Protein backbone atom coordinates (compact mmCIF):
# COMPACT_ATOMS: atom_id res chain seq x y z
CA MET A 1 0.00 0.00 0.00
CA ILE A 2 3.04 2.28 0.08
CA GLY A 3 2.40 3.51 -3.48
CA LEU A 4 -1.19 4.63 -2.82
CA LYS A 5 -1.98 8.17 -3.91
CA PRO A 6 -4.98 10.06 -2.53
CA ASP A 7 -7.45 11.49 -5.01
CA PHE A 8 -10.58 13.14 -3.65
CA SER A 9 -12.14 13.10 -7.11
CA ARG A 10 -12.64 9.39 -6.44
CA ILE A 11 -15.06 10.31 -3.65
CA ALA A 12 -16.65 13.08 -5.70
CA THR A 13 -17.38 10.62 -8.49
CA THR A 14 -18.90 8.18 -6.01
CA LEU A 15 -21.09 10.92 -4.55
CA GLU A 16 -22.43 11.52 -8.05
CA HIS A 17 -23.41 7.83 -8.17
CA GLU A 18 -20.87 6.97 -10.79
CA GLU A 19 -18.03 4.46 -10.69
CA PRO A 20 -14.49 5.80 -10.15
CA ASP A 21 -11.39 3.60 -10.41
CA ARG A 22 -12.18 1.91 -7.08
CA VAL A 23 -14.54 2.07 -4.14
CA PRO A 24 -13.30 4.82 -1.79
CA LEU A 25 -12.47 4.13 1.85
CA ALA A 26 -14.11 6.43 4.39
CA GLU A 27 -14.09 6.78 8.18
CA VAL A 28 -15.19 9.67 10.34
CA VAL A 29 -12.92 8.49 13.19
CA VAL A 30 -9.97 6.16 13.50
CA ASP A 31 -8.63 6.03 17.05
CA TYR A 32 -5.07 7.29 17.52
CA GLU A 33 -4.09 3.91 19.01
CA ILE A 34 -5.08 2.22 15.75
CA MET A 35 -3.18 4.83 13.74
CA SER A 36 -0.15 4.23 15.96
CA GLN A 37 -0.31 0.46 15.52
CA PHE A 38 -0.70 0.88 11.77
CA LEU A 39 2.30 3.21 11.40
CA GLY A 40 4.47 1.63 14.08
CA TYR A 41 4.95 4.82 16.08
CA THR A 42 2.81 6.99 18.37
CA VAL A 43 0.30 9.33 16.74
CA THR A 44 -1.09 12.15 18.89
CA ASP A 45 -3.89 14.65 18.54
CA GLU A 46 -1.52 17.52 17.79
CA ASP A 47 0.66 15.64 15.29
CA VAL A 48 -1.14 16.44 12.04
CA ALA A 49 1.85 15.31 9.96
CA ALA A 50 1.58 11.79 11.38
CA GLN A 51 -2.17 11.84 10.88
CA VAL A 52 -1.75 12.76 7.22
CA GLU A 53 0.76 9.94 6.86
CA PHE A 54 -1.72 7.47 8.32
CA TRP A 55 -4.70 8.52 6.19
CA THR A 56 -2.51 8.49 3.07
CA LYS A 57 -0.82 5.13 3.65
CA ALA A 58 -4.08 3.47 4.69
CA GLY A 59 -5.63 4.38 1.35
CA TYR A 60 -7.94 7.30 2.15
CA ASP A 61 -8.46 10.38 0.00
CA PHE A 62 -9.04 12.82 2.86
CA ILE A 63 -8.15 13.58 6.45
CA PRO A 64 -10.93 14.38 8.96
CA LEU A 65 -10.37 17.36 11.27
CA THR A 66 -12.77 18.57 13.94
CA VAL A 67 -14.46 21.96 13.84
CA GLY A 68 -16.80 22.11 16.81
CA VAL A 69 -17.04 21.57 20.53
CA MET A 70 -16.57 17.80 20.54
CA ARG A 71 -14.64 15.40 18.35
CA PRO A 72 -16.67 12.49 16.95
CA GLY A 73 -16.27 9.25 18.85
CA GLY A 74 -16.63 10.52 22.40
CA ILE A 75 -15.74 13.25 24.83
CA THR A 76 -11.97 13.58 24.91
CA LYS A 77 -9.73 15.60 27.18
CA ASP A 78 -8.66 17.72 24.21
CA SER A 79 -12.22 18.53 23.10
CA ARG A 80 -13.27 22.13 23.40
CA ILE A 81 -16.13 21.37 25.77
CA SER A 82 -13.88 19.45 28.19
CA LYS A 83 -11.42 22.33 28.27
CA VAL A 84 -14.11 24.93 28.92
CA ILE A 85 -15.77 22.92 31.68
CA GLU A 86 -12.41 22.26 33.30
CA GLU A 87 -11.41 25.93 33.12
CA PHE A 88 -14.67 27.58 34.13
CA LEU A 89 -16.84 25.10 35.99
CA LEU A 90 -14.89 22.42 37.83
CA ARG A 91 -14.31 22.95 41.52
CA ASP A 92 -13.16 19.71 43.09
CA GLY A 93 -11.92 17.72 40.11
CA GLN A 94 -14.58 15.05 40.56
CA GLU A 95 -16.31 15.60 37.22
CA THR A 96 -13.69 14.15 34.92
CA ASP A 97 -13.40 10.55 33.85
CA ALA A 98 -10.34 8.32 34.04
CA ASN A 99 -8.86 10.03 30.97
CA GLY A 100 -9.35 13.53 32.32
CA ALA A 101 -12.29 14.35 30.02
CA TRP A 102 -15.57 15.88 31.14
CA ASN A 103 -17.68 13.17 32.73
CA ILE A 104 -21.26 13.84 31.61
CA TRP A 105 -22.65 11.36 34.14
CA ALA A 106 -21.10 13.08 37.17
CA LYS A 107 -23.25 16.20 36.98
CA PRO A 108 -25.28 17.85 34.20
CA ARG A 109 -23.93 21.34 33.66
CA ILE A 110 -27.22 23.02 32.65
CA HIS A 111 -30.10 21.96 34.86
CA THR A 112 -31.99 25.25 35.01
CA GLU A 113 -32.49 28.32 32.86
CA ALA A 114 -30.19 30.20 35.22
CA ASP A 115 -27.49 27.61 34.47
CA CYS A 116 -27.98 28.27 30.78
CA GLU A 117 -27.56 32.00 31.29
CA ALA A 118 -24.44 31.49 33.39
CA PHE A 119 -22.80 28.94 31.12
CA PRO A 120 -19.59 30.24 29.45
CA TRP A 121 -20.94 30.08 25.88
CA GLU A 122 -18.52 32.73 24.61
CA ALA A 123 -15.55 30.69 25.79
CA LEU A 124 -16.99 27.54 24.23
CA ALA A 125 -17.34 29.40 20.93
CA GLN A 126 -13.61 30.10 20.73
CA LEU A 127 -12.90 27.20 18.40
CA ASP A 128 -9.30 26.33 17.58
CA LEU A 129 -8.87 26.18 13.80
CA ARG A 130 -5.08 26.19 13.76
CA ARG A 131 -4.74 22.60 12.59
CA PHE A 132 -6.79 23.41 9.45
CA HIS A 133 -4.01 25.81 8.52
CA LYS A 134 -1.14 23.72 9.88
CA VAL A 135 -2.16 20.63 7.90
CA GLN A 136 -1.88 22.44 4.57
CA ALA A 137 1.89 21.97 4.51
CA TYR A 138 1.54 18.18 4.77
CA LEU A 139 -1.35 17.40 2.43
CA PRO A 140 -0.20 15.41 -0.60
CA GLU A 141 -1.57 16.35 -3.98
CA GLY A 142 -5.13 15.09 -4.37
CA MET A 143 -5.89 14.82 -0.63
CA LYS A 144 -8.61 17.00 0.89
CA ILE A 145 -9.93 17.80 4.37
CA ILE A 146 -13.34 16.76 5.67
CA ALA A 147 -14.35 18.88 8.65
CA THR A 148 -16.25 16.93 11.29
CA SER A 149 -18.89 18.86 13.21
CA GLY A 150 -22.43 18.45 14.47
CA LYS A 151 -23.39 16.86 17.80
CA ILE A 152 -26.03 19.52 18.32
CA PHE A 153 -28.61 17.16 19.81
CA THR A 154 -25.96 15.06 21.58
CA THR A 155 -24.13 18.01 23.14
CA ALA A 156 -27.39 19.63 24.25
CA TRP A 157 -28.67 16.57 26.08
CA MET A 158 -25.25 15.87 27.57
CA LEU A 159 -25.11 19.38 28.99
CA MET A 160 -28.61 19.11 30.42
CA GLY A 161 -28.66 15.43 31.36
CA PHE A 162 -30.91 13.29 29.20
CA GLU A 163 -33.82 12.99 31.62
CA ASN A 164 -33.83 16.73 32.21
CA PHE A 165 -33.53 17.36 28.46
CA ALA A 166 -36.47 15.06 27.65
CA LEU A 167 -38.73 16.41 30.39
CA SER A 168 -37.94 20.00 29.48
CA LEU A 169 -38.65 19.29 25.85
CA LYS A 170 -42.25 18.57 26.87
CA ARG A 171 -42.75 20.86 29.88
CA ASN A 172 -40.57 23.83 29.00
CA PRO A 173 -39.57 23.54 25.33
CA GLY A 174 -38.33 27.12 25.23
CA PHE A 175 -35.58 26.23 27.73
CA THR A 176 -34.44 23.19 25.76
CA ARG A 177 -34.61 25.21 22.55
CA ARG A 178 -32.28 27.87 23.98
CA VAL A 179 -29.65 25.25 24.85
CA ILE A 180 -29.94 23.68 21.40
CA GLN A 181 -29.65 27.10 19.77
CA GLN A 182 -26.55 28.00 21.74
CA VAL A 183 -24.82 24.76 20.77
CA ALA A 184 -25.99 24.86 17.17
CA GLN A 185 -24.90 28.44 16.59
CA ILE A 186 -21.36 27.65 17.73
CA GLN A 187 -21.20 24.70 15.34
CA LEU A 188 -22.68 26.76 12.51
CA ASP A 189 -20.22 29.60 13.08
CA GLY A 190 -17.40 27.06 12.97
CA ILE A 191 -18.54 25.88 9.55
CA LYS A 192 -18.69 29.47 8.34
CA ALA A 193 -15.17 30.09 9.66
CA ILE A 194 -13.63 27.26 7.65
CA SER A 195 -15.59 27.91 4.47
CA THR A 196 -12.69 29.82 2.91
CA ILE A 197 -9.85 27.62 4.19
CA PRO A 198 -8.16 25.78 1.30
CA ASN A 199 -8.77 22.08 0.66
CA VAL A 200 -11.88 21.70 2.86
CA ALA A 201 -14.04 19.55 0.59
CA ALA A 202 -16.89 18.50 2.90
CA ILE A 203 -18.54 18.80 6.29
CA TRP A 204 -19.32 15.56 8.11
CA ALA A 205 -21.98 16.22 10.76
CA VAL A 206 -22.06 13.59 13.51
CA ASP A 207 -25.12 13.41 15.75
CA ASP A 208 -26.77 10.21 16.98
CA VAL A 209 -30.46 11.03 16.75
CA THR A 210 -31.62 7.41 16.45
CA CYS A 211 -30.95 4.17 18.33
CA GLY A 212 -31.62 0.48 17.72
CA THR A 213 -35.39 0.94 17.84
CA GLY A 214 -35.80 4.28 16.07
CA PRO A 215 -35.56 8.02 16.82
CA ILE A 216 -34.38 8.88 20.35
CA ILE A 217 -36.91 11.70 20.56
CA SER A 218 -40.04 12.04 18.44
CA PRO A 219 -39.60 12.80 14.72
CA ARG A 220 -41.83 15.83 15.29
CA ASP A 221 -39.38 17.25 17.85
CA LEU A 222 -36.42 16.47 15.60
CA ARG A 223 -38.11 18.31 12.74
CA ARG A 224 -38.96 21.28 14.90
CA GLU A 225 -35.85 21.70 17.04
CA LEU A 226 -32.92 20.08 15.24
CA PHE A 227 -33.32 19.52 11.53
CA PRO A 228 -33.61 23.23 10.57
CA TRP A 229 -30.07 23.69 11.87
CA TYR A 230 -28.75 20.81 9.79
CA GLU A 231 -30.64 22.09 6.78
CA GLU A 232 -28.64 25.30 7.22
CA PHE A 233 -25.46 23.20 7.43
CA GLY A 234 -26.32 21.70 4.07
CA ARG A 235 -27.15 25.05 2.53
CA LEU A 236 -23.82 26.52 3.64
CA CYS A 237 -21.89 23.51 2.38
CA HIS A 238 -23.41 23.67 -1.06
CA GLU A 239 -23.07 27.46 -1.19
CA HIS A 240 -19.31 26.95 -0.82
CA SER A 241 -19.15 23.96 -3.18
CA GLN A 242 -18.62 21.53 -0.31
CA TYR A 243 -20.33 18.20 0.27
CA PHE A 244 -22.49 17.49 3.30
CA PHE A 245 -22.20 14.10 5.06
CA PHE A 246 -24.35 13.02 8.01
CA HIS A 247 -23.79 10.35 10.65
CA THR A 248 -26.28 8.76 12.99
CA ASP A 249 -26.41 5.24 14.33
CA GLY A 250 -29.68 3.37 14.70
CA VAL A 251 -32.88 2.68 12.78
CA LEU A 252 -33.50 5.47 10.27
CA TRP A 253 -36.69 4.50 8.47
CA ASP A 254 -38.92 7.03 10.29
CA ILE A 255 -36.66 9.96 9.40
CA LEU A 256 -34.88 8.81 6.24
CA GLU A 257 -36.78 11.19 3.98
CA ASP A 258 -36.22 14.00 6.48
CA LEU A 259 -32.47 13.44 6.32
CA ILE A 260 -32.53 13.51 2.54
CA ALA A 261 -34.47 16.79 2.68
CA LEU A 262 -31.61 18.34 4.71
CA GLY A 263 -29.52 18.23 1.56
CA ILE A 264 -27.11 15.51 2.63
CA ASP A 265 -24.85 14.02 -0.01
CA ALA A 266 -23.84 10.97 2.03
CA LEU A 267 -25.28 9.00 4.94
CA HIS A 268 -23.18 7.07 7.44
CA PRO A 269 -22.85 4.35 8.78
CA ILE A 270 -26.04 2.40 7.92
CA ASP A 271 -25.89 0.71 11.31
CA PRO A 272 -25.22 -3.01 10.68
CA THR A 273 -26.84 -3.99 13.99
CA CYS A 274 -30.28 -2.86 12.84
CA MET A 275 -30.27 -1.73 9.18
CA ASP A 276 -30.11 -3.70 5.93
CA ILE A 277 -27.74 -1.76 3.70
CA VAL A 278 -29.04 -3.38 0.51
CA GLU A 279 -32.56 -2.24 1.40
CA VAL A 280 -31.27 1.25 2.21
CA LYS A 281 -29.53 1.58 -1.14
CA GLU A 282 -32.66 0.40 -2.92
CA ARG A 283 -34.78 2.90 -0.99
CA LEU A 284 -32.43 5.77 -1.72
CA ARG A 285 -32.26 4.93 -5.45
CA GLY A 286 -29.26 7.09 -6.28
CA ARG A 287 -30.30 10.11 -4.23
CA VAL A 288 -27.71 9.83 -1.45
CA CYS A 289 -24.35 8.04 -1.21
CA ILE A 290 -24.01 5.55 1.65
CA ILE A 291 -20.90 4.90 3.75
CA GLY A 292 -19.78 2.15 6.09
CA ASN A 293 -21.67 -0.88 7.47
CA ILE A 294 -18.72 -3.21 8.18
CA SER A 295 -19.55 -4.63 11.61
CA ASN A 296 -17.60 -3.18 14.53
CA GLN A 297 -18.26 -6.36 16.47
CA LEU A 298 -16.51 -8.25 13.70
CA LEU A 299 -13.61 -5.79 13.78
CA GLU A 300 -13.24 -6.60 17.48
CA GLU A 301 -14.08 -10.30 17.70
CA GLY A 302 -13.84 -11.74 14.20
CA THR A 303 -10.96 -13.04 12.14
CA PRO A 304 -9.28 -11.27 9.24
CA LYS A 305 -10.83 -13.81 6.87
CA GLU A 306 -14.33 -13.12 8.22
CA VAL A 307 -13.79 -9.39 7.82
CA SER A 308 -12.51 -9.85 4.29
CA GLU A 309 -15.52 -11.98 3.35
CA LEU A 310 -17.94 -9.37 4.69
CA VAL A 311 -16.15 -6.65 2.74
CA LYS A 312 -16.44 -8.69 -0.44
CA LEU A 313 -20.16 -9.20 0.20
CA ARG A 314 -20.72 -5.46 0.62
CA LEU A 315 -18.70 -4.67 -2.48
CA ARG A 316 -20.60 -7.24 -4.50
CA THR A 317 -24.09 -6.19 -3.36
CA VAL A 318 -23.81 -2.44 -2.72
CA ALA A 319 -20.87 -0.96 -4.64
CA PRO A 320 -21.92 -1.52 -8.30
CA GLY A 321 -23.07 1.72 -9.89
CA GLY A 322 -21.20 3.90 -7.39
CA GLY A 323 -22.76 5.61 -4.41
CA TYR A 324 -20.92 3.56 -1.78
CA CYS A 325 -17.80 4.18 0.30
CA LEU A 326 -16.36 1.30 2.32
CA GLY A 327 -15.92 1.71 6.06
CA SER A 328 -16.79 0.51 9.52
CA GLY A 329 -20.28 0.34 10.98
CA ASN A 330 -19.52 3.30 13.26
CA SER A 331 -15.84 4.20 13.63
CA VAL A 332 -12.56 2.39 14.25
CA PRO A 333 -12.12 2.43 18.06
CA ASN A 334 -9.07 1.43 20.05
CA TRP A 335 -10.64 -1.94 20.84
CA ALA A 336 -10.71 -2.99 17.20
CA ARG A 337 -8.04 -5.55 16.32
CA ILE A 338 -5.43 -4.01 14.05
CA GLU A 339 -5.26 -7.16 11.94
CA ASN A 340 -9.01 -6.95 11.35
CA TYR A 341 -8.82 -3.28 10.48
CA ARG A 342 -6.03 -4.06 8.01
CA ALA A 343 -8.12 -6.87 6.58
CA MET A 344 -10.99 -4.44 5.95
CA ILE A 345 -8.96 -1.86 4.07
CA ASP A 346 -6.81 -4.47 2.28
CA ALA A 347 -9.92 -6.25 0.99
CA GLY A 348 -11.41 -2.94 -0.09
CA LEU A 349 -8.30 -2.03 -2.05
CA LYS A 350 -7.93 -5.50 -3.55
CA TYR A 351 -11.51 -6.27 -4.52
CA GLY A 352 -13.00 -2.79 -4.84
CA ARG A 353 -11.74 -2.05 -8.35
CA TYR A 354 -14.45 -1.11 -10.81
CA PRO A 355 -16.11 -2.84 -12.48
CA ILE A 356 -16.76 -5.07 -9.48
CA HIS A 357 -16.17 -8.76 -10.22
CA ILE A 358 -16.29 -10.81 -7.01
CA ARG A 359 -17.35 -14.43 -6.82
């Protein structure tokens, strides 16, 4: 794989539901421990040169960088929201987890409207975009940046505590709406701020609004409180000739048409625990590209051969005609086995050449 050259036009062609030279690889998150195992040396959050080396050598056509208050994949010590809570709100140090990140279960930060007024929103809005500029010196020709953002719904309920969020949504919707608006505006301003930075080709919004049984809150509330913000995400992306990707786990049937109406160009990850990706592609009928679906359980517990066979099945049944990028069924966490991760990308590179001919 040493001779691989990134080419974002491969993804652009796929998004247009045409066949490029091969099926693109795509992940919104690969844990730094996996990157380190892959490269054979430690990769850190600040080391964008090493990150570019990983994404290039692993066969990707882009590097994901976070613009927002929380990096996809979980609350990390380096996330903006952890830093703000640590700086402005912690008193006894008992609200961080074992890794030093904000522990959402220890104490909701916004329980009342007075808490919302007192919360340091201005500090949270001071997003660090330096890596978007720093990475420019390391990007090989053909590689682009995908900015990961979103988590409007997720951040709002984490700040309020889910029970409080849900009860307020029914009893005092104006309060919940104000928290959502504060979070959403910060994310939206971040997208505006990077719109003129070179090589940013897409925004990948990450927000789990569904679970294994369907929407976490009612579709009506999603349409009223959340989706207008993501519709604005999509409008801004397309205004600046950028693509708009969206991630949510869970069963999507009740809101699939709503997501399409937001203007998304790609939907991720088509949760393999509860969604049939062949049925999804048939339902979408060329309207939206789909990404992912390789079982995370298999990446953790399976064998490289089992992973390779699942990749071949997905390539055979979903990739023909374009509109599919190969990737995991969520992200690549530190508990994935490196040999299984390698098996996934190796099989994609080996068998994903168009036209697809897999027996």
